């Protein structure tokens, strides 16, 4: 498995989770 690819995927997943969390908090603030 390519290490750079794994790091990129992990980074994108974390960014997606942060975006969803921020949108959820803004809606239910």
PDB file of N, CA and C in Angstrom:
ATOM      1  N   UNK A   1       0.853  -1.199   0.000  1.00  0.00           N
ATOM      2  CA  UNK A   1       0.000   0.000   0.000  1.00  0.00           C
ATOM      3  C   UNK A   1       0.885   1.243   0.000  1.00  0.00           C
ATOM      4  N   UNK A   2       0.510   2.207  -0.817  1.00  0.00           N
ATOM      5  CA  UNK A   2       1.284   3.449  -0.897  1.00  0.00           C
ATOM      6  C   UNK A   2       1.048   4.285   0.352  1.00  0.00           C
ATOM      7  N   UNK A   3       2.125   4.678   1.006  1.00  0.00           N
ATOM      8  CA  UNK A   3       1.981   5.432   2.260  1.00  0.00           C
ATOM      9  C   UNK A   3       1.391   6.816   2.005  1.00  0.00           C
ATOM     10  N   UNK A   4       1.820   7.466   0.925  1.00  0.00           N
ATOM     11  CA  UNK A   4       1.316   8.810   0.613  1.00  0.00           C
ATOM     12  C   UNK A   4      -0.188   8.757   0.342  1.00  0.00           C
ATOM     13  N   UNK A   5      -0.632   7.715  -0.356  1.00  0.00           N
ATOM     14  CA  UNK A   5      -2.059   7.582  -0.657  1.00  0.00           C
ATOM     15  C   UNK A   5      -2.856   7.396   0.622  1.00  0.00           C
ATOM     16  N   UNK A   6      -2.334   6.577   1.538  1.00  0.00           N
ATOM     17  CA  UNK A   6      -3.030   6.339   2.811  1.00  0.00           C
ATOM     18  C   UNK A   6      -3.136   7.632   3.610  1.00  0.00           C
ATOM     19  N   UNK A   7      -2.049   8.422   3.643  1.00  0.00           N
ATOM     20  CA  UNK A   7      -2.065   9.690   4.386  1.00  0.00           C
ATOM     21  C   UNK A   7      -3.068  10.650   3.751  1.00  0.00           C
ATOM     22  N   UNK A   8      -3.102  10.679   2.420  1.00  0.00           N
ATOM     23  CA  UNK A   8      -4.041  11.574   1.727  1.00  0.00           C
ATOM     24  C   UNK A   8      -5.484  11.186   2.037  1.00  0.00           C
ATOM     25  N   UNK A   9      -5.775   9.886   1.987  1.00  0.00           N
ATOM     26  CA  UNK A   9      -7.137   9.432   2.274  1.00  0.00           C
ATOM     27  C   UNK A   9      -7.528   9.753   3.713  1.00  0.00           C
ATOM     28  N   UNK A  10      -6.615   9.530   4.645  1.00  0.00           N
ATOM     29  CA  UNK A  10      -6.907   9.816   6.049  1.00  0.00           C
ATOM     30  C   UNK A  10      -7.165  11.305   6.240  1.00  0.00           C
ATOM     31  N   UNK A  11      -6.372  12.151   5.558  1.00  0.00           N
ATOM     32  CA  UNK A  11      -6.552  13.601   5.677  1.00  0.00           C
ATOM     33  C   UNK A  11      -7.911  14.021   5.124  1.00  0.00           C
ATOM     34  N   UNK A  12      -8.283  13.479   3.966  1.00  0.00           N
ATOM     35  CA  UNK A  12      -9.572  13.835   3.370  1.00  0.00           C
ATOM     36  C   UNK A  12     -10.725  13.388   4.263  1.00  0.00           C
ATOM     37  N   UNK A  13     -10.608  12.215   4.867  1.00  0.00           N
ATOM     38  CA  UNK A  13     -11.667  11.724   5.750  1.00  0.00           C
ATOM     39  C   UNK A  13     -11.800  12.625   6.974  1.00  0.00           C
ATOM     40  N   UNK A  14     -10.681  13.032   7.552  1.00  0.00           N
ATOM     41  CA  UNK A  14     -10.735  13.920   8.724  1.00  0.00           C
ATOM     42  C   UNK A  14     -11.353  15.259   8.346  1.00  0.00           C
ATOM     43  N   UNK A  15     -10.991  15.795   7.188  1.00  0.00           N
ATOM     44  CA  UNK A  15     -11.556  17.073   6.747  1.00  0.00           C
ATOM     45  C   UNK A  15     -13.065  16.944   6.565  1.00  0.00           C
ATOM     46  N   UNK A  16     -13.515  15.826   5.977  1.00  0.00           N
ATOM     47  CA  UNK A  16     -14.945  15.621   5.761  1.00  0.00           C
ATOM     48  C   UNK A  16     -15.681  15.551   7.092  1.00  0.00           C
ATOM     49  N   UNK A  17     -15.110  14.858   8.078  1.00  0.00           N
ATOM     50  CA  UNK A  17     -15.749  14.750   9.392  1.00  0.00           C
ATOM     51  C   UNK A  17     -15.832  16.124  10.053  1.00  0.00           C
ATOM     52  N   UNK A  18     -14.769  16.925   9.936  1.00  0.00           N
ATOM     53  CA  UNK A  18     -14.770  18.264  10.538  1.00  0.00           C
ATOM     54  C   UNK A  18     -15.833  19.135   9.878  1.00  0.00           C
ATOM     55  N   UNK A  19     -15.931  19.076   8.548  1.00  0.00           N
ATOM     56  CA  UNK A  19     -16.926  19.889   7.835  1.00  0.00           C
ATOM     57  C   UNK A  19     -18.334  19.503   8.262  1.00  0.00           C
ATOM     58  N   UNK A  20     -18.616  18.204   8.341  1.00  0.00           N
ATOM     59  CA  UNK A  20     -19.949  17.741   8.744  1.00  0.00           C
ATOM     60  C   UNK A  20     -20.252  18.183  10.173  1.00  0.00           C
ATOM     61  N   UNK A  21     -19.260  18.085  11.056  1.00  0.00           N
ATOM     62  CA  UNK A  21     -19.467  18.484  12.448  1.00  0.00           C
ATOM     63  C   UNK A  21     -19.757  19.975  12.538  1.00  0.00           C
ATOM     64  N   UNK A  22     -19.016  20.787  11.783  1.00  0.00           N
ATOM     65  CA  UNK A  22     -19.233  22.241  11.815  1.00  0.00           C
ATOM     66  C   UNK A  22     -20.626  22.578  11.292  1.00  0.00           C
ATOM     67  N   UNK A  23     -21.024  21.963  10.186  1.00  0.00           N
ATOM     68  CA  UNK A  23     -22.354  22.236   9.638  1.00  0.00           C
ATOM     69  C   UNK A  23     -23.438  21.809  10.625  1.00  0.00           C
ATOM     70  N   UNK A  24     -23.252  20.674  11.289  1.00  0.00           N
ATOM     71  CA  UNK A  24     -24.236  20.198  12.257  1.00  0.00           C
ATOM     72  C   UNK A  24     -24.345  21.164  13.426  1.00  0.00           C
ATOM     73  N   UNK A  25     -23.206  21.642  13.926  1.00  0.00           N
ATOM     74  CA  UNK A  25     -23.229  22.572  15.064  1.00  0.00           C
ATOM     75  C   UNK A  25     -23.866  23.896  14.658  1.00  0.00           C
ATOM     76  N   UNK A  26     -23.599  24.355  13.430  1.00  0.00           N
ATOM     77  CA  UNK A  26     -24.183  25.625  12.995  1.00  0.00           C
ATOM     78  C   UNK A  26     -25.699  25.509  12.863  1.00  0.00           C
ATOM     79  N   UNK A  27     -26.173  24.351  12.402  1.00  0.00           N
ATOM     80  CA  UNK A  27     -27.623  24.179  12.252  1.00  0.00           C
ATOM     81  C   UNK A  27     -28.320  24.100  13.599  1.00  0.00           C
ATOM     82  N   UNK A  28     -27.680  23.472  14.570  1.00  0.00           N
ATOM     83  CA  UNK A  28     -28.320  23.245  15.869  1.00  0.00           C
ATOM     84  C   UNK A  28     -27.771  24.166  16.947  1.00  0.00           C
ATOM     85  N   UNK A  29     -27.164  25.277  16.539  1.00  0.00           N
ATOM     86  CA  UNK A  29     -26.617  26.199  17.525  1.00  0.00           C
ATOM     87  C   UNK A  29     -27.748  26.882  18.289  1.00  0.00           C
TER      88      UNK A  29
END
